[in-house]
Amino acid sequence: MLQTLLAERFHVKIHRESREMPVFDLVVDKNGPKMKESAPGTESKTEALPGSPGISKRKYWNLSMADLVLRIGSNFDHPLLDRTGLNGRYDIELEFSSYPQQMTAAEEAAFAARGVPSGGVLPISRALPEQLGLKVVAAKESVETITIDHAEKPSEN
C-alpha cells in the first residue's frame, strides 16, 4: 500500500540492487555462545529494564539470532548481518553503553570528564562477546539496497 501511495502521489520510481559495502558480521566468539536456549512454548517478548542515562538494558525471551540482529543493528554504523549459524531460540539479557561502539581509552576519559560515568558498562561491540559469546567482525559483503531513481513534489489535492 505504501509503495502504491508513493508511486501515485510522488511518482517515486525505485529499484533494488546488490552493492558491495562495509558491514558488520555477528559471529560466534571463539569460546562459543553463552546464551540459554528458550524452553519450548516460551512466549517471544522483550522487556526494557530500568537503567541510568546512556545505558541500555534489555531482556529478550525466545529470540532468534535474526531477531537479535534486528533489535541491536541500529547501534552500528554499518548493516549488521547474522553469520552465527545458530538456529535456536534464546533467552538473552544484554546491558551495554549506548555511547559510541568503539571507544578508545581517551574517548572513555572524555566521556567521564563530561560527567558521563561508564560504570564499567561496555559499548555493545565489547558487551556481546562478554555477555553472549558473540562478536562483531568488520567485513565487506554484497547487500541488497533500494535506490530511488525519481521522485517529485506531490500534486495538490
N, C-alpha and C. Protein backbone atom coordinates (compact mmCIF):
# COMPACT_ATOMS: atom_id res chain seq x y z
N MET A 1 0.81 -1.19 0.00
CA MET A 1 0.00 0.00 0.00
C MET A 1 0.86 1.26 0.00
N LEU A 2 1.92 1.24 0.82
CA LEU A 2 2.78 2.42 0.91
C LEU A 2 3.49 2.67 -0.41
N GLN A 3 3.96 1.60 -1.05
CA GLN A 3 4.63 1.76 -2.34
C GLN A 3 3.69 2.35 -3.38
N THR A 4 2.44 1.91 -3.36
CA THR A 4 1.44 2.43 -4.30
C THR A 4 1.19 3.91 -4.03
N LEU A 5 1.05 4.28 -2.77
CA LEU A 5 0.85 5.68 -2.40
C LEU A 5 2.02 6.54 -2.86
N LEU A 6 3.25 6.10 -2.60
CA LEU A 6 4.43 6.85 -3.03
C LEU A 6 4.49 6.99 -4.54
N ALA A 7 4.15 5.93 -5.24
CA ALA A 7 4.16 5.97 -6.71
C ALA A 7 3.12 6.94 -7.24
N GLU A 8 1.91 6.92 -6.65
CA GLU A 8 0.83 7.79 -7.13
C GLU A 8 1.04 9.25 -6.75
N ARG A 9 1.39 9.53 -5.49
CA ARG A 9 1.50 10.92 -5.02
C ARG A 9 2.82 11.59 -5.39
N PHE A 10 3.90 10.84 -5.33
CA PHE A 10 5.22 11.44 -5.53
C PHE A 10 5.90 10.95 -6.81
N HIS A 11 5.24 10.08 -7.56
CA HIS A 11 5.80 9.50 -8.78
C HIS A 11 7.18 8.89 -8.52
N VAL A 12 7.28 8.22 -7.37
CA VAL A 12 8.54 7.61 -6.97
C VAL A 12 8.80 6.37 -7.82
N LYS A 13 10.01 6.29 -8.31
CA LYS A 13 10.48 5.11 -9.03
C LYS A 13 11.73 4.60 -8.32
N ILE A 14 11.73 3.33 -7.97
CA ILE A 14 12.85 2.74 -7.25
C ILE A 14 13.28 1.45 -7.93
N HIS A 15 14.46 1.01 -7.59
CA HIS A 15 14.88 -0.33 -8.00
C HIS A 15 15.78 -0.90 -6.90
N ARG A 16 15.81 -2.22 -6.86
CA ARG A 16 16.66 -2.93 -5.89
C ARG A 16 17.93 -3.39 -6.61
N GLU A 17 19.02 -3.33 -5.88
CA GLU A 17 20.28 -3.81 -6.45
C GLU A 17 21.19 -4.27 -5.32
N SER A 18 22.12 -5.12 -5.65
CA SER A 18 23.11 -5.57 -4.68
C SER A 18 24.36 -4.72 -4.84
N ARG A 19 24.88 -4.27 -3.71
CA ARG A 19 26.09 -3.46 -3.71
C ARG A 19 27.06 -4.03 -2.69
N GLU A 20 28.33 -4.02 -3.04
CA GLU A 20 29.37 -4.40 -2.10
C GLU A 20 29.61 -3.20 -1.19
N MET A 21 29.51 -3.44 0.13
CA MET A 21 29.67 -2.34 1.07
C MET A 21 30.20 -2.85 2.40
N PRO A 22 30.73 -1.94 3.24
CA PRO A 22 31.18 -2.35 4.56
C PRO A 22 29.99 -2.79 5.42
N VAL A 23 30.16 -3.89 6.13
CA VAL A 23 29.12 -4.41 7.02
C VAL A 23 29.81 -4.91 8.29
N PHE A 24 29.00 -5.28 9.25
CA PHE A 24 29.49 -5.99 10.43
C PHE A 24 28.81 -7.34 10.45
N ASP A 25 29.61 -8.40 10.62
CA ASP A 25 29.08 -9.75 10.74
C ASP A 25 29.01 -10.10 12.22
N LEU A 26 27.85 -10.61 12.66
CA LEU A 26 27.71 -11.14 14.01
C LEU A 26 28.06 -12.61 13.93
N VAL A 27 29.11 -13.02 14.65
CA VAL A 27 29.60 -14.40 14.61
C VAL A 27 29.74 -14.92 16.04
N VAL A 28 29.89 -16.22 16.16
CA VAL A 28 30.11 -16.84 17.47
C VAL A 28 31.56 -16.62 17.87
N ASP A 29 31.78 -16.20 19.10
CA ASP A 29 33.12 -15.97 19.64
C ASP A 29 33.85 -17.31 19.77
N LYS A 30 35.17 -17.26 19.87
CA LYS A 30 35.98 -18.48 19.90
C LYS A 30 35.62 -19.41 21.05
N ASN A 31 35.08 -18.88 22.16
CA ASN A 31 34.71 -19.71 23.31
C ASN A 31 33.28 -20.23 23.24
N GLY A 32 32.58 -19.93 22.16
CA GLY A 32 31.21 -20.43 21.98
C GLY A 32 30.16 -19.52 22.60
N PRO A 33 28.90 -19.78 22.26
CA PRO A 33 27.82 -18.93 22.77
C PRO A 33 27.59 -19.12 24.27
N LYS A 34 27.16 -18.04 24.93
CA LYS A 34 26.89 -18.06 26.37
C LYS A 34 25.40 -17.81 26.64
N MET A 35 24.55 -18.17 25.71
CA MET A 35 23.13 -17.87 25.83
C MET A 35 22.36 -19.13 26.21
N LYS A 36 21.29 -18.93 26.96
CA LYS A 36 20.45 -20.03 27.40
C LYS A 36 19.35 -20.26 26.35
N GLU A 37 19.22 -21.51 25.91
CA GLU A 37 18.15 -21.81 24.94
C GLU A 37 16.80 -21.66 25.62
N SER A 38 15.83 -21.15 24.88
CA SER A 38 14.47 -20.98 25.40
C SER A 38 13.80 -22.33 25.58
N ALA A 39 13.00 -22.42 26.61
CA ALA A 39 12.20 -23.63 26.83
C ALA A 39 11.10 -23.68 25.76
N PRO A 40 10.74 -24.88 25.30
CA PRO A 40 9.65 -24.98 24.32
C PRO A 40 8.39 -24.30 24.84
N GLY A 41 7.72 -23.59 23.96
CA GLY A 41 6.48 -22.91 24.33
C GLY A 41 6.67 -21.55 24.98
N THR A 42 7.92 -21.10 25.13
CA THR A 42 8.17 -19.78 25.72
C THR A 42 7.66 -18.69 24.78
N GLU A 43 6.96 -17.73 25.35
CA GLU A 43 6.43 -16.61 24.58
C GLU A 43 7.57 -15.69 24.17
N SER A 44 7.53 -15.18 22.93
CA SER A 44 8.53 -14.21 22.47
C SER A 44 8.14 -12.84 23.00
N LYS A 45 9.07 -12.23 23.73
CA LYS A 45 8.81 -10.88 24.22
C LYS A 45 10.11 -10.19 24.55
N THR A 46 10.02 -8.87 24.69
CA THR A 46 11.17 -8.02 25.02
C THR A 46 10.78 -7.13 26.19
N GLU A 47 11.72 -6.93 27.10
CA GLU A 47 11.48 -6.04 28.23
C GLU A 47 12.67 -5.10 28.37
N ALA A 48 12.38 -3.80 28.42
CA ALA A 48 13.42 -2.82 28.71
C ALA A 48 13.55 -2.72 30.22
N LEU A 49 14.74 -2.98 30.73
CA LEU A 49 14.97 -2.95 32.17
C LEU A 49 15.40 -1.55 32.59
N PRO A 50 15.07 -1.14 33.83
CA PRO A 50 15.46 0.19 34.27
C PRO A 50 16.98 0.32 34.31
N GLY A 51 17.45 1.49 33.93
CA GLY A 51 18.88 1.74 33.94
C GLY A 51 19.14 3.22 34.06
N SER A 52 20.38 3.60 33.93
CA SER A 52 20.74 5.01 34.01
C SER A 52 20.92 5.57 32.61
N PRO A 53 20.99 6.91 32.47
CA PRO A 53 21.15 7.51 31.14
C PRO A 53 22.38 6.96 30.42
N GLY A 54 22.22 6.65 29.16
CA GLY A 54 23.31 6.14 28.36
C GLY A 54 23.54 4.65 28.48
N ILE A 55 22.74 3.98 29.31
CA ILE A 55 22.89 2.54 29.50
C ILE A 55 21.62 1.85 28.99
N SER A 56 21.76 0.92 28.09
CA SER A 56 20.63 0.14 27.59
C SER A 56 20.65 -1.23 28.24
N LYS A 57 19.52 -1.60 28.82
CA LYS A 57 19.36 -2.93 29.42
C LYS A 57 18.11 -3.54 28.81
N ARG A 58 18.28 -4.72 28.23
CA ARG A 58 17.15 -5.39 27.61
C ARG A 58 17.16 -6.86 27.99
N LYS A 59 15.96 -7.41 28.10
CA LYS A 59 15.81 -8.85 28.29
C LYS A 59 14.90 -9.35 27.18
N TYR A 60 15.34 -10.39 26.51
CA TYR A 60 14.59 -10.98 25.39
C TYR A 60 14.30 -12.44 25.72
N TRP A 61 13.11 -12.88 25.38
CA TRP A 61 12.74 -14.28 25.53
C TRP A 61 12.42 -14.84 24.15
N ASN A 62 12.87 -16.08 23.92
CA ASN A 62 12.56 -16.81 22.69
C ASN A 62 12.96 -16.01 21.44
N LEU A 63 14.21 -15.58 21.42
CA LEU A 63 14.71 -14.72 20.36
C LEU A 63 15.64 -15.49 19.43
N SER A 64 15.41 -15.38 18.14
CA SER A 64 16.33 -15.97 17.15
C SER A 64 17.48 -15.00 16.92
N MET A 65 18.54 -15.46 16.30
CA MET A 65 19.68 -14.58 16.00
C MET A 65 19.27 -13.51 14.99
N ALA A 66 18.41 -13.86 14.03
CA ALA A 66 17.93 -12.86 13.07
C ALA A 66 17.17 -11.75 13.79
N ASP A 67 16.36 -12.13 14.79
CA ASP A 67 15.63 -11.14 15.57
C ASP A 67 16.59 -10.28 16.41
N LEU A 68 17.62 -10.89 16.97
CA LEU A 68 18.61 -10.14 17.74
C LEU A 68 19.28 -9.09 16.86
N VAL A 69 19.65 -9.48 15.65
CA VAL A 69 20.29 -8.54 14.72
C VAL A 69 19.36 -7.36 14.43
N LEU A 70 18.07 -7.62 14.25
CA LEU A 70 17.11 -6.54 14.02
C LEU A 70 17.03 -5.60 15.22
N ARG A 71 17.11 -6.15 16.42
CA ARG A 71 16.95 -5.35 17.63
C ARG A 71 18.19 -4.50 17.95
N ILE A 72 19.38 -5.01 17.66
CA ILE A 72 20.60 -4.28 18.03
C ILE A 72 21.30 -3.63 16.85
N GLY A 73 20.85 -3.90 15.64
CA GLY A 73 21.54 -3.40 14.44
C GLY A 73 21.65 -1.90 14.36
N SER A 74 20.69 -1.18 14.93
CA SER A 74 20.72 0.28 14.85
C SER A 74 21.84 0.89 15.70
N ASN A 75 22.50 0.08 16.51
CA ASN A 75 23.62 0.56 17.32
C ASN A 75 24.94 0.59 16.54
N PHE A 76 24.91 0.17 15.29
CA PHE A 76 26.11 0.10 14.47
C PHE A 76 25.97 1.03 13.27
N ASP A 77 27.11 1.53 12.79
CA ASP A 77 27.07 2.47 11.68
C ASP A 77 27.15 1.80 10.30
N HIS A 78 27.12 0.49 10.26
CA HIS A 78 27.02 -0.28 9.02
C HIS A 78 25.99 -1.38 9.26
N PRO A 79 25.45 -1.96 8.19
CA PRO A 79 24.49 -3.06 8.41
C PRO A 79 25.12 -4.19 9.23
N LEU A 80 24.32 -4.76 10.12
CA LEU A 80 24.73 -5.90 10.94
C LEU A 80 24.07 -7.14 10.37
N LEU A 81 24.86 -8.17 10.07
CA LEU A 81 24.36 -9.40 9.45
C LEU A 81 24.59 -10.59 10.36
N ASP A 82 23.60 -11.48 10.43
CA ASP A 82 23.72 -12.69 11.23
C ASP A 82 24.56 -13.71 10.48
N ARG A 83 25.73 -14.01 11.00
CA ARG A 83 26.62 -15.04 10.44
C ARG A 83 26.98 -16.04 11.52
N THR A 84 26.11 -16.18 12.54
CA THR A 84 26.40 -17.06 13.67
C THR A 84 26.21 -18.52 13.32
N GLY A 85 25.28 -18.81 12.41
CA GLY A 85 24.95 -20.21 12.12
C GLY A 85 24.11 -20.84 13.22
N LEU A 86 23.68 -20.05 14.20
CA LEU A 86 22.85 -20.56 15.29
C LEU A 86 21.39 -20.51 14.88
N ASN A 87 20.72 -21.66 14.94
CA ASN A 87 19.33 -21.73 14.50
C ASN A 87 18.34 -21.80 15.65
N GLY A 88 18.83 -21.84 16.88
CA GLY A 88 17.94 -21.96 18.04
C GLY A 88 17.29 -20.65 18.40
N ARG A 89 16.52 -20.70 19.47
CA ARG A 89 15.88 -19.52 20.04
C ARG A 89 16.37 -19.41 21.47
N TYR A 90 16.66 -18.18 21.90
CA TYR A 90 17.38 -17.98 23.15
C TYR A 90 16.71 -16.95 24.04
N ASP A 91 16.94 -17.09 25.36
CA ASP A 91 16.58 -16.08 26.34
C ASP A 91 17.87 -15.30 26.60
N ILE A 92 17.81 -14.00 26.41
CA ILE A 92 19.02 -13.16 26.42
C ILE A 92 18.81 -11.95 27.31
N GLU A 93 19.81 -11.64 28.11
CA GLU A 93 19.83 -10.38 28.84
C GLU A 93 21.09 -9.64 28.42
N LEU A 94 20.93 -8.41 27.98
CA LEU A 94 22.04 -7.66 27.41
C LEU A 94 22.06 -6.26 28.02
N GLU A 95 23.23 -5.84 28.48
CA GLU A 95 23.42 -4.50 29.02
C GLU A 95 24.63 -3.88 28.33
N PHE A 96 24.44 -2.68 27.79
CA PHE A 96 25.56 -2.04 27.10
C PHE A 96 25.40 -0.53 27.14
N SER A 97 26.52 0.14 26.93
CA SER A 97 26.54 1.59 26.85
C SER A 97 26.02 1.99 25.48
N SER A 98 25.15 2.99 25.44
CA SER A 98 24.64 3.45 24.15
C SER A 98 25.50 4.57 23.57
N TYR A 99 26.67 4.78 24.17
CA TYR A 99 27.64 5.71 23.60
C TYR A 99 28.42 4.98 22.52
N PRO A 100 29.33 5.66 21.81
CA PRO A 100 29.99 5.05 20.65
C PRO A 100 30.48 3.63 20.89
N GLN A 101 30.30 2.80 19.84
CA GLN A 101 30.58 1.37 19.98
C GLN A 101 32.05 1.04 20.12
N GLN A 102 32.93 1.81 19.58
CA GLN A 102 34.37 1.50 19.64
C GLN A 102 35.09 2.66 20.33
N MET A 103 34.93 2.78 21.64
CA MET A 103 35.57 3.88 22.35
C MET A 103 37.00 3.53 22.70
N THR A 104 37.88 4.47 22.44
CA THR A 104 39.26 4.34 22.88
C THR A 104 39.33 4.76 24.34
N ALA A 105 40.47 4.53 24.96
CA ALA A 105 40.65 4.94 26.36
C ALA A 105 40.50 6.46 26.47
N ALA A 106 40.99 7.19 25.49
CA ALA A 106 40.88 8.66 25.51
C ALA A 106 39.42 9.10 25.40
N GLU A 107 38.64 8.42 24.55
CA GLU A 107 37.22 8.76 24.43
C GLU A 107 36.47 8.45 25.72
N GLU A 108 36.79 7.30 26.33
CA GLU A 108 36.15 6.95 27.60
C GLU A 108 36.48 8.00 28.66
N ALA A 109 37.74 8.48 28.68
CA ALA A 109 38.14 9.51 29.63
C ALA A 109 37.40 10.82 29.36
N ALA A 110 37.20 11.14 28.07
CA ALA A 110 36.47 12.36 27.71
C ALA A 110 35.02 12.28 28.17
N PHE A 111 34.39 11.14 28.01
CA PHE A 111 33.01 10.96 28.49
C PHE A 111 32.98 11.12 30.01
N ALA A 112 33.93 10.52 30.70
CA ALA A 112 33.98 10.61 32.16
C ALA A 112 34.19 12.06 32.60
N ALA A 113 35.03 12.81 31.86
CA ALA A 113 35.29 14.22 32.20
C ALA A 113 34.03 15.06 32.06
N ARG A 114 33.12 14.66 31.17
CA ARG A 114 31.85 15.38 30.99
C ARG A 114 30.79 14.90 31.97
N GLY A 115 31.19 14.01 32.88
CA GLY A 115 30.23 13.53 33.88
C GLY A 115 29.37 12.39 33.42
N VAL A 116 29.80 11.69 32.38
CA VAL A 116 29.05 10.54 31.88
C VAL A 116 29.78 9.29 32.36
N PRO A 117 29.36 8.74 33.49
CA PRO A 117 30.08 7.58 34.03
C PRO A 117 29.82 6.33 33.21
N SER A 118 30.87 5.60 32.91
CA SER A 118 30.67 4.34 32.19
C SER A 118 30.20 3.26 33.14
N GLY A 119 30.58 3.37 34.41
CA GLY A 119 30.14 2.40 35.40
C GLY A 119 30.55 0.99 35.03
N GLY A 120 31.58 0.85 34.22
CA GLY A 120 32.02 -0.47 33.81
C GLY A 120 31.15 -1.09 32.73
N VAL A 121 30.18 -0.33 32.22
CA VAL A 121 29.30 -0.86 31.18
C VAL A 121 29.98 -0.68 29.83
N LEU A 122 30.04 -1.76 29.08
CA LEU A 122 30.79 -1.78 27.82
C LEU A 122 29.96 -1.29 26.64
N PRO A 123 30.62 -0.74 25.62
CA PRO A 123 29.93 -0.49 24.36
C PRO A 123 29.44 -1.83 23.81
N ILE A 124 28.42 -1.82 22.97
CA ILE A 124 27.79 -3.06 22.54
C ILE A 124 28.76 -4.02 21.87
N SER A 125 29.70 -3.51 21.07
CA SER A 125 30.63 -4.40 20.37
C SER A 125 31.52 -5.17 21.35
N ARG A 126 31.75 -4.62 22.55
CA ARG A 126 32.55 -5.32 23.56
C ARG A 126 31.68 -6.09 24.54
N ALA A 127 30.40 -5.68 24.69
CA ALA A 127 29.49 -6.39 25.59
C ALA A 127 29.05 -7.72 25.00
N LEU A 128 28.89 -7.79 23.68
CA LEU A 128 28.40 -9.03 23.05
C LEU A 128 29.29 -10.23 23.34
N PRO A 129 30.63 -10.15 23.16
CA PRO A 129 31.46 -11.32 23.46
C PRO A 129 31.40 -11.71 24.94
N GLU A 130 31.44 -10.70 25.80
CA GLU A 130 31.48 -10.97 27.24
C GLU A 130 30.16 -11.56 27.75
N GLN A 131 29.04 -11.00 27.30
CA GLN A 131 27.74 -11.40 27.85
C GLN A 131 27.07 -12.54 27.07
N LEU A 132 27.27 -12.59 25.74
CA LEU A 132 26.54 -13.57 24.92
C LEU A 132 27.44 -14.57 24.20
N GLY A 133 28.74 -14.34 24.19
CA GLY A 133 29.63 -15.22 23.45
C GLY A 133 29.53 -15.00 21.95
N LEU A 134 29.17 -13.79 21.57
CA LEU A 134 29.08 -13.41 20.15
C LEU A 134 30.02 -12.24 19.94
N LYS A 135 30.51 -12.08 18.72
CA LYS A 135 31.35 -10.92 18.45
C LYS A 135 30.99 -10.32 17.11
N VAL A 136 31.41 -9.08 16.94
CA VAL A 136 31.13 -8.33 15.73
C VAL A 136 32.44 -8.18 14.96
N VAL A 137 32.40 -8.56 13.68
CA VAL A 137 33.60 -8.53 12.84
C VAL A 137 33.31 -7.66 11.61
N ALA A 138 34.22 -6.73 11.34
CA ALA A 138 34.07 -5.88 10.15
C ALA A 138 34.31 -6.72 8.90
N ALA A 139 33.50 -6.49 7.87
CA ALA A 139 33.62 -7.24 6.62
C ALA A 139 33.15 -6.36 5.47
N LYS A 140 33.29 -6.88 4.28
CA LYS A 140 32.76 -6.21 3.09
C LYS A 140 31.96 -7.28 2.36
N GLU A 141 30.67 -7.03 2.16
CA GLU A 141 29.80 -8.02 1.55
C GLU A 141 28.80 -7.35 0.63
N SER A 142 28.18 -8.19 -0.19
CA SER A 142 27.12 -7.73 -1.07
C SER A 142 25.82 -7.62 -0.27
N VAL A 143 25.20 -6.43 -0.31
CA VAL A 143 23.98 -6.16 0.45
C VAL A 143 22.92 -5.63 -0.50
N GLU A 144 21.68 -6.12 -0.36
CA GLU A 144 20.60 -5.61 -1.20
C GLU A 144 20.20 -4.22 -0.72
N THR A 145 20.16 -3.26 -1.64
CA THR A 145 19.80 -1.89 -1.32
C THR A 145 18.63 -1.46 -2.20
N ILE A 146 17.96 -0.41 -1.77
CA ILE A 146 16.89 0.19 -2.55
C ILE A 146 17.38 1.56 -2.99
N THR A 147 17.33 1.82 -4.29
CA THR A 147 17.76 3.09 -4.85
C THR A 147 16.56 3.84 -5.40
N ILE A 148 16.43 5.12 -5.02
CA ILE A 148 15.35 5.95 -5.56
C ILE A 148 15.86 6.55 -6.86
N ASP A 149 15.18 6.23 -7.96
CA ASP A 149 15.57 6.74 -9.28
C ASP A 149 14.92 8.09 -9.59
N HIS A 150 13.71 8.29 -9.06
CA HIS A 150 12.97 9.51 -9.40
C HIS A 150 11.93 9.78 -8.32
N ALA A 151 11.73 11.05 -7.98
CA ALA A 151 10.67 11.47 -7.08
C ALA A 151 10.32 12.91 -7.40
N GLU A 152 9.03 13.26 -7.23
CA GLU A 152 8.56 14.63 -7.50
C GLU A 152 7.84 15.15 -6.27
N LYS A 153 7.65 16.48 -6.23
CA LYS A 153 6.83 17.06 -5.18
C LYS A 153 5.40 16.58 -5.42
N PRO A 154 4.63 16.39 -4.34
CA PRO A 154 3.27 15.90 -4.52
C PRO A 154 2.39 16.94 -5.20
N SER A 155 1.42 16.45 -5.97
CA SER A 155 0.46 17.34 -6.58
C SER A 155 -0.53 17.79 -5.51
N GLU A 156 -1.11 18.98 -5.68
CA GLU A 156 -2.07 19.48 -4.69
C GLU A 156 -3.38 18.74 -4.83
N ASN A 157 -4.07 18.54 -3.69
CA ASN A 157 -5.36 17.83 -3.70
C ASN A 157 -6.47 18.73 -4.16
